[in-house]
Amino acid sequence: METLIILLIGILVAVATYLILSRNIIRVILGTAVLSHAVHLLILTLGGLKTGNVPLLTEADAPYTDALPQALILTAIVISFAVTAFILVLAYRAYQDNGTDDLDALRGTNDE
């Protein structure tokens, strides 16, 4: 099961790399979003599935689960959502001003 998840992470990274190398700004933004989802899945996979009690002080001695991977993923999801929303607003504003979403046209110089 874990090897399938690792394979899925590799496919997501490959798709994200393809999208990031595109000339269309929307594809670049979607590529960064897919890459962030791949990293979230990687952190969750590396954290592993652990069984045990919740880490409360009133419980008896028992093996506890580590909540750090889930906390890191939740924080990373919120940050990546905020960054993606901000970049989408910037891309929309750039499209309104320039009338194009092509990164070469947005660069402002002509290639020789």
N, C-alpha and C. Protein backbone atom coordinates (compact mmCIF):
# COMPACT_ATOMS: atom_id res chain seq x y z
N MET A 1 0.83 -1.20 0.00
CA MET A 1 0.00 0.00 0.00
C MET A 1 0.86 1.25 0.00
N GLU A 2 1.93 1.21 0.79
CA GLU A 2 2.79 2.38 0.88
C GLU A 2 3.53 2.64 -0.43
N THR A 3 3.85 1.58 -1.17
CA THR A 3 4.53 1.77 -2.45
C THR A 3 3.60 2.42 -3.47
N LEU A 4 2.32 2.14 -3.39
CA LEU A 4 1.37 2.80 -4.29
C LEU A 4 1.27 4.29 -3.98
N ILE A 5 1.32 4.63 -2.71
CA ILE A 5 1.26 6.04 -2.33
C ILE A 5 2.52 6.77 -2.79
N ILE A 6 3.68 6.10 -2.65
CA ILE A 6 4.93 6.70 -3.12
C ILE A 6 4.88 6.90 -4.63
N LEU A 7 4.32 5.92 -5.35
CA LEU A 7 4.17 6.05 -6.81
C LEU A 7 3.23 7.21 -7.16
N LEU A 8 2.14 7.35 -6.41
CA LEU A 8 1.22 8.47 -6.63
C LEU A 8 1.90 9.81 -6.37
N ILE A 9 2.73 9.87 -5.35
CA ILE A 9 3.47 11.11 -5.06
C ILE A 9 4.40 11.44 -6.23
N GLY A 10 5.07 10.42 -6.76
CA GLY A 10 5.95 10.64 -7.92
C GLY A 10 5.19 11.13 -9.13
N ILE A 11 4.01 10.59 -9.37
CA ILE A 11 3.19 11.03 -10.51
C ILE A 11 2.74 12.47 -10.29
N LEU A 12 2.33 12.80 -9.07
CA LEU A 12 1.91 14.18 -8.79
C LEU A 12 3.06 15.16 -8.97
N VAL A 13 4.26 14.78 -8.55
CA VAL A 13 5.42 15.66 -8.73
C VAL A 13 5.74 15.82 -10.22
N ALA A 14 5.61 14.75 -11.00
CA ALA A 14 5.86 14.83 -12.44
C ALA A 14 4.85 15.74 -13.13
N VAL A 15 3.58 15.58 -12.76
CA VAL A 15 2.54 16.44 -13.34
C VAL A 15 2.76 17.90 -12.95
N ALA A 16 3.11 18.12 -11.69
CA ALA A 16 3.36 19.49 -11.22
C ALA A 16 4.55 20.11 -11.94
N THR A 17 5.60 19.34 -12.15
CA THR A 17 6.76 19.86 -12.88
C THR A 17 6.40 20.22 -14.31
N TYR A 18 5.61 19.38 -14.95
CA TYR A 18 5.16 19.68 -16.32
C TYR A 18 4.34 20.97 -16.35
N LEU A 19 3.44 21.13 -15.40
CA LEU A 19 2.61 22.33 -15.38
C LEU A 19 3.41 23.59 -15.04
N ILE A 20 4.38 23.48 -14.15
CA ILE A 20 5.18 24.64 -13.77
C ILE A 20 6.05 25.11 -14.93
N LEU A 21 6.49 24.20 -15.78
CA LEU A 21 7.33 24.57 -16.92
C LEU A 21 6.54 25.10 -18.11
N SER A 22 5.25 25.28 -17.96
CA SER A 22 4.39 25.78 -19.02
C SER A 22 4.54 27.30 -19.16
N ARG A 23 4.06 27.83 -20.28
CA ARG A 23 4.11 29.28 -20.51
C ARG A 23 2.84 29.98 -20.03
N ASN A 24 1.81 29.23 -19.74
CA ASN A 24 0.54 29.79 -19.29
C ASN A 24 0.59 29.98 -17.78
N ILE A 25 0.23 31.17 -17.32
CA ILE A 25 0.36 31.47 -15.89
C ILE A 25 -0.63 30.66 -15.04
N ILE A 26 -1.80 30.33 -15.57
CA ILE A 26 -2.76 29.52 -14.83
C ILE A 26 -2.22 28.11 -14.63
N ARG A 27 -1.56 27.57 -15.65
CA ARG A 27 -0.96 26.24 -15.50
C ARG A 27 0.17 26.25 -14.47
N VAL A 28 0.91 27.32 -14.41
CA VAL A 28 1.98 27.43 -13.41
C VAL A 28 1.38 27.45 -12.01
N ILE A 29 0.30 28.19 -11.82
CA ILE A 29 -0.35 28.25 -10.52
C ILE A 29 -0.93 26.89 -10.15
N LEU A 30 -1.56 26.21 -11.10
CA LEU A 30 -2.09 24.87 -10.82
C LEU A 30 -0.96 23.89 -10.53
N GLY A 31 0.19 24.06 -11.19
CA GLY A 31 1.33 23.20 -10.92
C GLY A 31 1.86 23.37 -9.51
N THR A 32 1.90 24.60 -9.03
CA THR A 32 2.35 24.81 -7.64
C THR A 32 1.35 24.23 -6.65
N ALA A 33 0.06 24.29 -6.97
CA ALA A 33 -0.95 23.71 -6.09
C ALA A 33 -0.83 22.18 -6.05
N VAL A 34 -0.62 21.57 -7.22
CA VAL A 34 -0.46 20.11 -7.26
C VAL A 34 0.82 19.70 -6.54
N LEU A 35 1.88 20.48 -6.68
CA LEU A 35 3.13 20.17 -5.99
C LEU A 35 2.96 20.26 -4.48
N SER A 36 2.20 21.24 -4.02
CA SER A 36 1.98 21.34 -2.58
C SER A 36 1.16 20.16 -2.07
N HIS A 37 0.19 19.68 -2.86
CA HIS A 37 -0.57 18.49 -2.45
C HIS A 37 0.32 17.25 -2.41
N ALA A 38 1.26 17.16 -3.35
CA ALA A 38 2.19 16.04 -3.33
C ALA A 38 3.06 16.07 -2.08
N VAL A 39 3.49 17.25 -1.67
CA VAL A 39 4.30 17.36 -0.46
C VAL A 39 3.48 17.03 0.78
N HIS A 40 2.21 17.43 0.81
CA HIS A 40 1.35 17.08 1.93
C HIS A 40 1.20 15.56 2.05
N LEU A 41 1.00 14.91 0.91
CA LEU A 41 0.87 13.46 0.91
C LEU A 41 2.18 12.79 1.32
N LEU A 42 3.31 13.37 0.92
CA LEU A 42 4.61 12.83 1.30
C LEU A 42 4.83 12.93 2.81
N ILE A 43 4.49 14.07 3.39
CA ILE A 43 4.65 14.23 4.84
C ILE A 43 3.75 13.25 5.59
N LEU A 44 2.52 13.08 5.11
CA LEU A 44 1.61 12.15 5.76
C LEU A 44 2.11 10.72 5.64
N THR A 45 2.67 10.35 4.51
CA THR A 45 3.18 9.00 4.30
C THR A 45 4.41 8.75 5.16
N LEU A 46 5.30 9.72 5.23
CA LEU A 46 6.50 9.54 6.04
C LEU A 46 6.19 9.51 7.53
N GLY A 47 5.12 10.18 7.93
CA GLY A 47 4.70 10.13 9.32
C GLY A 47 4.18 8.77 9.72
N GLY A 48 3.61 8.06 8.77
CA GLY A 48 3.13 6.71 9.03
C GLY A 48 1.84 6.68 9.81
N LEU A 49 1.22 5.50 9.83
CA LEU A 49 -0.01 5.29 10.59
C LEU A 49 0.37 4.61 11.89
N LYS A 50 0.13 5.29 12.97
CA LYS A 50 0.46 4.76 14.28
C LYS A 50 -0.82 4.60 15.09
N THR A 51 -0.91 3.50 15.79
CA THR A 51 -2.08 3.27 16.63
C THR A 51 -1.70 3.52 18.09
N GLY A 52 -2.66 3.97 18.82
CA GLY A 52 -2.43 4.26 20.24
C GLY A 52 -3.48 5.22 20.75
N ASN A 53 -3.31 5.61 21.99
CA ASN A 53 -4.24 6.54 22.62
C ASN A 53 -3.90 7.98 22.25
N VAL A 54 -4.84 8.84 22.56
CA VAL A 54 -4.59 10.27 22.38
C VAL A 54 -3.62 10.74 23.46
N PRO A 55 -2.77 11.70 23.18
CA PRO A 55 -1.78 12.13 24.18
C PRO A 55 -2.37 13.09 25.22
N LEU A 56 -3.14 12.57 26.14
CA LEU A 56 -3.72 13.36 27.22
C LEU A 56 -3.03 13.02 28.53
N LEU A 57 -2.95 13.98 29.41
CA LEU A 57 -2.25 13.76 30.67
C LEU A 57 -3.03 12.88 31.64
N THR A 58 -4.35 12.83 31.51
CA THR A 58 -5.15 12.08 32.46
C THR A 58 -5.23 10.59 32.12
N GLU A 59 -4.78 10.19 30.97
CA GLU A 59 -4.84 8.79 30.56
C GLU A 59 -3.75 7.98 31.24
N ALA A 60 -3.89 6.69 31.27
CA ALA A 60 -2.90 5.79 31.87
C ALA A 60 -1.71 5.62 30.93
N ASP A 61 -0.68 4.95 31.41
CA ASP A 61 0.49 4.70 30.58
C ASP A 61 0.12 3.79 29.42
N ALA A 62 0.36 4.28 28.23
CA ALA A 62 0.05 3.52 27.01
C ALA A 62 0.83 4.15 25.87
N PRO A 63 0.97 3.45 24.79
CA PRO A 63 1.63 4.08 23.64
C PRO A 63 0.74 5.20 23.08
N TYR A 64 1.35 6.34 22.82
CA TYR A 64 0.61 7.49 22.31
C TYR A 64 0.92 7.69 20.84
N THR A 65 -0.01 8.31 20.15
CA THR A 65 0.22 8.65 18.75
C THR A 65 0.85 10.03 18.67
N ASP A 66 1.62 10.23 17.64
CA ASP A 66 2.28 11.51 17.43
C ASP A 66 1.41 12.36 16.52
N ALA A 67 0.98 13.51 17.00
CA ALA A 67 0.10 14.38 16.23
C ALA A 67 0.87 15.41 15.40
N LEU A 68 2.19 15.39 15.45
CA LEU A 68 2.98 16.39 14.74
C LEU A 68 2.82 16.33 13.22
N PRO A 69 2.83 15.16 12.56
CA PRO A 69 2.64 15.17 11.10
C PRO A 69 1.30 15.77 10.68
N GLN A 70 0.23 15.45 11.41
CA GLN A 70 -1.07 16.02 11.05
C GLN A 70 -1.10 17.53 11.28
N ALA A 71 -0.45 18.00 12.33
CA ALA A 71 -0.40 19.44 12.59
C ALA A 71 0.41 20.16 11.51
N LEU A 72 1.50 19.56 11.09
CA LEU A 72 2.31 20.16 10.02
C LEU A 72 1.54 20.20 8.71
N ILE A 73 0.82 19.14 8.39
CA ILE A 73 0.05 19.10 7.15
C ILE A 73 -1.07 20.13 7.18
N LEU A 74 -1.76 20.24 8.30
CA LEU A 74 -2.84 21.22 8.41
C LEU A 74 -2.31 22.64 8.23
N THR A 75 -1.18 22.94 8.83
CA THR A 75 -0.56 24.26 8.66
C THR A 75 -0.14 24.48 7.22
N ALA A 76 0.44 23.46 6.61
CA ALA A 76 0.89 23.59 5.22
C ALA A 76 -0.29 23.76 4.26
N ILE A 77 -1.41 23.09 4.53
CA ILE A 77 -2.58 23.24 3.68
C ILE A 77 -3.12 24.67 3.74
N VAL A 78 -3.19 25.22 4.93
CA VAL A 78 -3.70 26.59 5.08
C VAL A 78 -2.77 27.59 4.38
N ILE A 79 -1.47 27.42 4.56
CA ILE A 79 -0.52 28.34 3.93
C ILE A 79 -0.55 28.21 2.42
N SER A 80 -0.60 27.00 1.90
CA SER A 80 -0.62 26.83 0.44
C SER A 80 -1.92 27.35 -0.17
N PHE A 81 -3.03 27.19 0.55
CA PHE A 81 -4.29 27.76 0.05
C PHE A 81 -4.22 29.27 -0.01
N ALA A 82 -3.66 29.89 1.01
CA ALA A 82 -3.57 31.35 1.03
C ALA A 82 -2.63 31.85 -0.07
N VAL A 83 -1.52 31.18 -0.26
CA VAL A 83 -0.57 31.60 -1.30
C VAL A 83 -1.19 31.40 -2.68
N THR A 84 -1.89 30.29 -2.90
CA THR A 84 -2.53 30.05 -4.19
C THR A 84 -3.61 31.10 -4.47
N ALA A 85 -4.40 31.43 -3.47
CA ALA A 85 -5.43 32.46 -3.67
C ALA A 85 -4.80 33.81 -3.99
N PHE A 86 -3.71 34.16 -3.31
CA PHE A 86 -3.03 35.43 -3.56
C PHE A 86 -2.44 35.46 -4.97
N ILE A 87 -1.83 34.37 -5.40
CA ILE A 87 -1.23 34.33 -6.73
C ILE A 87 -2.32 34.37 -7.80
N LEU A 88 -3.47 33.73 -7.55
CA LEU A 88 -4.57 33.81 -8.51
C LEU A 88 -5.08 35.23 -8.67
N VAL A 89 -5.15 35.97 -7.57
CA VAL A 89 -5.59 37.37 -7.65
C VAL A 89 -4.56 38.19 -8.43
N LEU A 90 -3.27 37.96 -8.18
CA LEU A 90 -2.24 38.67 -8.94
C LEU A 90 -2.29 38.33 -10.42
N ALA A 91 -2.54 37.06 -10.74
CA ALA A 91 -2.63 36.65 -12.15
C ALA A 91 -3.84 37.29 -12.82
N TYR A 92 -4.95 37.36 -12.11
CA TYR A 92 -6.14 38.00 -12.67
C TYR A 92 -5.90 39.48 -12.93
N ARG A 93 -5.23 40.13 -12.00
CA ARG A 93 -4.93 41.56 -12.17
C ARG A 93 -3.96 41.78 -13.34
N ALA A 94 -2.97 40.90 -13.46
CA ALA A 94 -2.04 41.00 -14.59
C ALA A 94 -2.76 40.76 -15.91
N TYR A 95 -3.72 39.85 -15.92
CA TYR A 95 -4.49 39.61 -17.14
C TYR A 95 -5.36 40.81 -17.49
N GLN A 96 -5.93 41.48 -16.48
CA GLN A 96 -6.74 42.67 -16.74
C GLN A 96 -5.89 43.79 -17.32
N ASP A 97 -4.68 43.97 -16.80
CA ASP A 97 -3.83 45.05 -17.27
C ASP A 97 -3.23 44.77 -18.64
N ASN A 98 -2.80 43.54 -18.89
CA ASN A 98 -2.05 43.23 -20.11
C ASN A 98 -2.86 42.50 -21.17
N GLY A 99 -3.96 41.90 -20.80
CA GLY A 99 -4.80 41.22 -21.77
C GLY A 99 -4.26 39.85 -22.20
N THR A 100 -3.30 39.31 -21.50
CA THR A 100 -2.75 38.00 -21.83
C THR A 100 -2.31 37.29 -20.56
N ASP A 101 -2.25 35.96 -20.65
CA ASP A 101 -1.73 35.18 -19.53
C ASP A 101 -0.49 34.40 -19.95
N ASP A 102 0.10 34.75 -21.07
CA ASP A 102 1.33 34.14 -21.55
C ASP A 102 2.52 34.77 -20.82
N LEU A 103 3.36 33.93 -20.22
CA LEU A 103 4.47 34.46 -19.43
C LEU A 103 5.51 35.16 -20.29
N ASP A 104 5.71 34.71 -21.54
CA ASP A 104 6.66 35.40 -22.41
C ASP A 104 6.17 36.80 -22.79
N ALA A 105 4.85 36.94 -22.99
CA ALA A 105 4.30 38.26 -23.31
C ALA A 105 4.31 39.16 -22.06
N LEU A 106 4.16 38.58 -20.90
CA LEU A 106 4.18 39.37 -19.67
C LEU A 106 5.58 39.83 -19.30
N ARG A 107 6.59 39.18 -19.86
CA ARG A 107 7.97 39.56 -19.56
C ARG A 107 8.25 40.98 -20.04
N GLY A 108 7.68 41.38 -21.16
CA GLY A 108 7.82 42.75 -21.63
C GLY A 108 8.94 43.01 -22.61
N THR A 109 9.77 42.03 -22.92
CA THR A 109 10.85 42.21 -23.88
C THR A 109 10.66 41.21 -25.02
N ASN A 110 11.14 41.60 -26.18
CA ASN A 110 11.07 40.71 -27.33
C ASN A 110 12.34 39.90 -27.42
N ASP A 111 12.19 38.60 -27.70
CA ASP A 111 13.35 37.74 -27.88
C ASP A 111 13.95 37.99 -29.26
N GLU A 112 15.27 37.90 -29.35
CA GLU A 112 15.93 38.17 -30.62
C GLU A 112 16.25 36.91 -31.35
